[in-house]
Amino acid sequence: MGSSSVVELLPKDYGYVVLVAVLYSFLNFFMAAKVGKARKKYKVFYPTMYASESDNKDAKVFNCVQRGHQNSLEMMPLFFVFLLLGGLRHPCISAALGLLYTVSRYFYFKGYSTGDPQKRLPIGRYGFLALMGLMVCTISFGATLLLRA
């Protein structure tokens, strides 16, 4: 099967899903760069994952920056699976939910990076709703596969 055959099998609007996946990857690079800058600023060097509050007066702020990125990494496999699979059945809905997730993750990270973990939630909480919507799209895709004639 040639590559053009695979592309022809995908929904026309699946390109939006692919572009959202790439956009989230850029967000991940942005967060990683911010953690790198925070490592220099707060003097938390590799391989130390988190700063110790007994050794570093800025430990809480650094740990919040690190945790904002780490949490996004922990959720990334789930997000990509739901986005890419749910998008096979519902490409436009999945792309829109993926965009909402990506934007909310940006604000989640920005809020967390202030050093006050509660600031991750005002906009960041909408990412969980987007993820649930993507899960529904993926369930719909799975059910469609099982119910086809």
Protein backbone atom coordinates (compact mmCIF):
# COMPACT_ATOMS: atom_id res chain seq x y z
CA MET A 1 0.00 0.00 0.00
CA GLY A 2 1.55 3.31 -1.10
CA SER A 3 1.58 6.42 1.05
CA SER A 4 -1.00 8.11 -1.16
CA SER A 5 -3.39 5.25 -0.44
CA VAL A 6 -3.08 5.79 3.31
CA VAL A 7 -3.70 9.52 2.94
CA GLU A 8 -6.79 8.80 0.85
CA LEU A 9 -8.21 6.66 3.66
CA LEU A 10 -7.99 9.50 6.19
CA PRO A 11 -10.79 12.04 6.58
CA LYS A 12 -10.13 15.20 4.56
CA ASP A 13 -10.10 17.38 7.69
CA TYR A 14 -7.61 15.13 9.53
CA GLY A 15 -4.90 17.64 8.63
CA TYR A 16 -6.29 19.91 11.36
CA VAL A 17 -5.71 17.13 13.88
CA VAL A 18 -2.12 16.70 12.71
CA LEU A 19 -1.47 20.46 12.94
CA VAL A 20 -2.82 20.60 16.50
CA ALA A 21 -0.47 17.74 17.46
CA VAL A 22 2.44 19.75 16.06
CA LEU A 23 1.26 22.90 17.86
CA TYR A 24 1.25 21.02 21.17
CA SER A 25 4.79 19.84 20.43
CA PHE A 26 5.86 23.48 20.05
CA LEU A 27 4.20 24.22 23.41
CA ASN A 28 6.21 21.39 24.93
CA PHE A 29 9.44 22.88 23.55
CA PHE A 30 8.43 26.27 25.00
CA MET A 31 7.83 24.75 28.45
CA ALA A 32 11.13 22.84 28.33
CA ALA A 33 12.97 26.06 27.49
CA LYS A 34 11.30 27.82 30.43
CA VAL A 35 12.40 25.03 32.77
CA GLY A 36 15.94 25.37 31.39
CA LYS A 37 15.92 29.12 32.07
CA ALA A 38 14.54 28.50 35.57
CA ARG A 39 17.34 25.98 36.23
CA LYS A 40 19.92 28.68 35.48
CA LYS A 41 18.08 31.45 37.33
CA TYR A 42 17.44 29.41 40.50
CA LYS A 43 20.65 27.35 40.29
CA VAL A 44 19.04 23.91 40.11
CA PHE A 45 21.39 21.84 37.99
CA TYR A 46 20.95 18.47 36.31
CA PRO A 47 20.30 15.73 37.27
CA THR A 48 18.32 17.27 40.14
CA MET A 49 14.64 17.08 39.24
CA TYR A 50 13.27 19.28 42.03
CA ALA A 51 14.94 21.83 44.31
CA SER A 52 15.10 21.26 48.04
CA GLU A 53 13.54 24.03 50.11
CA SER A 54 16.22 23.54 52.78
CA ASP A 55 18.98 24.22 50.20
CA ASN A 56 17.38 26.79 47.91
CA LYS A 57 15.28 29.82 48.89
CA ASP A 58 13.67 29.80 45.43
CA ALA A 59 12.83 26.09 45.50
CA LYS A 60 9.06 26.56 45.48
CA VAL A 61 9.07 28.79 42.39
CA PHE A 62 11.45 26.49 40.52
CA ASN A 63 9.49 23.41 41.53
CA CYS A 64 6.28 25.00 40.25
CA VAL A 65 7.88 25.69 36.85
CA GLN A 66 9.25 22.14 36.74
CA ARG A 67 5.96 20.62 37.91
CA GLY A 68 3.93 22.55 35.31
CA HIS A 69 6.05 21.03 32.55
CA GLN A 70 6.24 17.59 34.16
CA ASN A 71 2.47 17.39 34.54
CA SER A 72 2.07 18.34 30.89
CA LEU A 73 4.50 15.57 29.93
CA GLU A 74 2.56 13.08 32.07
CA MET A 75 -0.68 13.96 30.28
CA MET A 76 0.83 14.16 26.78
CA PRO A 77 0.56 10.45 25.83
CA LEU A 78 -3.14 10.40 26.76
CA PHE A 79 -3.75 13.66 24.88
CA PHE A 80 -2.01 12.45 21.72
CA VAL A 81 -3.77 9.07 21.73
CA PHE A 82 -7.20 10.63 22.19
CA LEU A 83 -6.50 13.42 19.69
CA LEU A 84 -5.14 11.17 16.94
CA LEU A 85 -7.62 8.32 17.34
CA GLY A 86 -10.71 10.43 18.07
CA GLY A 87 -9.76 12.59 15.11
CA LEU A 88 -10.14 9.66 12.75
CA ARG A 89 -13.91 9.71 13.35
CA HIS A 90 -14.42 13.36 14.36
CA PRO A 91 -11.52 15.38 12.90
CA CYS A 92 -12.94 18.89 13.28
CA ILE A 93 -14.31 18.33 16.79
CA SER A 94 -11.08 16.66 17.88
CA ALA A 95 -8.96 19.43 16.39
CA ALA A 96 -11.06 22.08 18.15
CA LEU A 97 -10.85 20.20 21.47
CA GLY A 98 -7.13 19.67 20.92
CA LEU A 99 -6.67 23.39 20.33
CA LEU A 100 -8.64 24.14 23.51
CA TYR A 101 -6.46 21.66 25.40
CA THR A 102 -3.27 23.22 24.04
CA VAL A 103 -4.31 26.78 24.88
CA SER A 104 -5.47 25.75 28.35
CA ARG A 105 -2.16 23.92 28.92
CA TYR A 106 -0.28 27.10 28.06
CA PHE A 107 -2.23 29.00 30.74
CA TYR A 108 -1.91 26.07 33.15
CA PHE A 109 1.87 26.26 32.78
CA LYS A 110 2.01 30.07 32.95
CA GLY A 111 -0.12 30.09 36.11
CA TYR A 112 1.85 27.30 37.75
CA SER A 113 5.14 29.05 36.90
CA THR A 114 4.23 32.01 39.12
CA GLY A 115 5.02 29.90 42.18
CA ASP A 116 1.37 29.79 43.25
CA PRO A 117 -0.05 26.42 42.12
CA GLN A 118 -3.64 27.69 42.38
CA LYS A 119 -2.99 30.09 39.49
CA ARG A 120 -2.80 27.12 37.12
CA LEU A 121 -6.55 26.52 37.40
CA PRO A 122 -8.61 29.52 36.22
CA ILE A 123 -8.06 28.72 32.53
CA GLY A 124 -5.99 25.55 32.90
CA ARG A 125 -8.94 23.56 34.23
CA TYR A 126 -10.59 23.65 30.81
CA GLY A 127 -7.92 21.28 29.54
CA PHE A 128 -9.53 18.49 31.50
CA LEU A 129 -12.89 19.17 29.84
CA ALA A 130 -11.18 19.12 26.44
CA LEU A 131 -9.50 15.82 27.31
CA MET A 132 -12.84 14.31 28.32
CA GLY A 133 -14.34 15.48 25.00
CA LEU A 134 -11.45 13.86 23.15
CA MET A 135 -12.06 10.66 25.11
CA VAL A 136 -15.69 10.69 23.93
CA CYS A 137 -14.52 11.15 20.32
CA THR A 138 -12.17 8.19 20.74
CA ILE A 139 -14.92 6.03 22.26
CA SER A 140 -17.11 6.96 19.30
CA PHE A 141 -14.34 5.90 16.92
CA GLY A 142 -13.89 2.58 18.73
CA ALA A 143 -17.64 1.91 18.73
CA THR A 144 -17.83 2.73 15.03
CA LEU A 145 -15.13 0.17 14.30
CA LEU A 146 -16.96 -2.49 16.33
CA LEU A 147 -20.40 -1.78 14.85
CA ARG A 148 -19.50 -1.55 11.17
CA ALA A 149 -21.00 -4.12 8.86
